[in-house]
Protein backbone atom coordinates (compact mmCIF):
# COMPACT_ATOMS: atom_id res chain seq x y z
CA UNK A 1 1.01 -5.64 19.05
CA UNK A 2 1.82 -3.47 16.08
CA UNK A 3 2.22 0.22 16.82
CA UNK A 4 1.22 2.42 13.89
CA UNK A 5 2.28 6.05 13.80
CA UNK A 6 -0.96 7.59 12.59
CA UNK A 7 0.54 10.91 11.52
CA UNK A 8 3.08 9.19 9.29
CA UNK A 9 0.39 6.99 7.78
CA UNK A 10 -1.82 9.98 7.09
CA UNK A 11 0.96 12.05 5.54
CA UNK A 12 2.16 9.18 3.39
CA UNK A 13 -0.96 7.34 2.28
CA UNK A 14 -3.87 9.81 2.25
CA UNK A 15 -2.53 11.73 -0.78
CA UNK A 16 -2.04 8.44 -2.62
CA UNK A 17 -5.59 7.35 -1.81
CA UNK A 18 -6.98 10.70 -2.96
CA UNK A 19 -5.01 10.54 -6.22
CA UNK A 20 -6.19 6.99 -6.93
CA UNK A 21 -9.80 7.93 -6.21
CA UNK A 22 -9.60 11.05 -8.41
CA UNK A 23 -7.90 9.30 -11.33
CA UNK A 24 -10.29 6.34 -11.16
CA UNK A 25 -13.30 8.62 -11.07
CA UNK A 26 -12.06 10.83 -13.93
CA UNK A 27 -11.15 7.89 -16.17
CA UNK A 28 -14.40 6.14 -15.36
CA UNK A 29 -16.46 9.18 -16.26
CA UNK A 30 -14.48 9.84 -19.45
CA UNK A 31 -14.79 6.25 -20.63
CA UNK A 32 -18.45 5.94 -19.65
CA UNK A 33 -17.96 3.19 -17.09
CA UNK A 34 -20.79 2.58 -14.66
CA UNK A 35 -20.60 3.87 -11.11
CA UNK A 36 -20.53 0.42 -9.54
CA UNK A 37 -17.48 -0.57 -11.57
CA UNK A 38 -15.70 2.66 -10.63
CA UNK A 39 -16.53 2.07 -6.98
CA UNK A 40 -15.30 -1.51 -7.11
CA UNK A 41 -12.01 -0.36 -8.69
CA UNK A 42 -11.53 2.18 -5.91
CA UNK A 43 -12.33 -0.42 -3.23
CA UNK A 44 -9.85 -2.89 -4.72
CA UNK A 45 -7.21 -0.16 -4.84
CA UNK A 46 -7.84 0.67 -1.18
CA UNK A 47 -7.52 -3.01 -0.25
CA UNK A 48 -4.19 -3.22 -2.07
CA UNK A 49 -2.92 -0.06 -0.38
CA UNK A 50 -3.98 -1.39 3.03
CA UNK A 51 -2.17 -4.65 2.41
CA UNK A 52 0.93 -2.71 1.31
CA UNK A 53 0.85 -0.74 4.57
CA UNK A 54 0.52 -3.93 6.61
CA UNK A 55 3.30 -5.74 4.76
CA UNK A 56 5.54 -2.70 5.18
CA UNK A 57 4.92 -2.57 8.93
CA UNK A 58 4.98 -6.30 9.65
CA UNK A 59 7.52 -7.53 7.11
CA UNK A 60 10.98 -8.44 8.27
CA UNK A 61 14.12 -6.71 7.14
CA UNK A 62 15.84 -8.90 4.56
CA UNK A 63 19.17 -7.22 5.14
CA UNK A 64 19.14 -7.82 8.87
CA UNK A 65 22.10 -10.10 9.53
CA UNK A 66 21.19 -11.13 13.06
CA UNK A 67 21.28 -14.89 13.58
CA UNK A 68 23.24 -15.29 10.36
CA UNK A 69 25.59 -18.10 11.36
CA UNK A 70 26.51 -19.12 7.83
CA UNK A 71 27.28 -15.63 6.50
CA UNK A 72 24.53 -15.71 3.90
CA UNK A 73 23.65 -12.03 4.33
CA UNK A 74 27.02 -11.07 2.86
CA UNK A 75 25.98 -12.65 -0.43
CA UNK A 76 23.23 -10.08 -0.87
């Protein structure tokens, strides 16, 4: 099971989410884009941020040289 540190996630990602929401809303209102399109842009951005969080937490370390029997990690 994946253990998320909620305080770290909040400190790191909430400001980014707020900035994306604010910029999307401001640009949408300035350019005269409809509310549904602005909302869909914000939802897509939130989905991308969520996937970035999951890939960051679940992804393996590429520079981890455990089980490197051929010495390939030294080439990096």
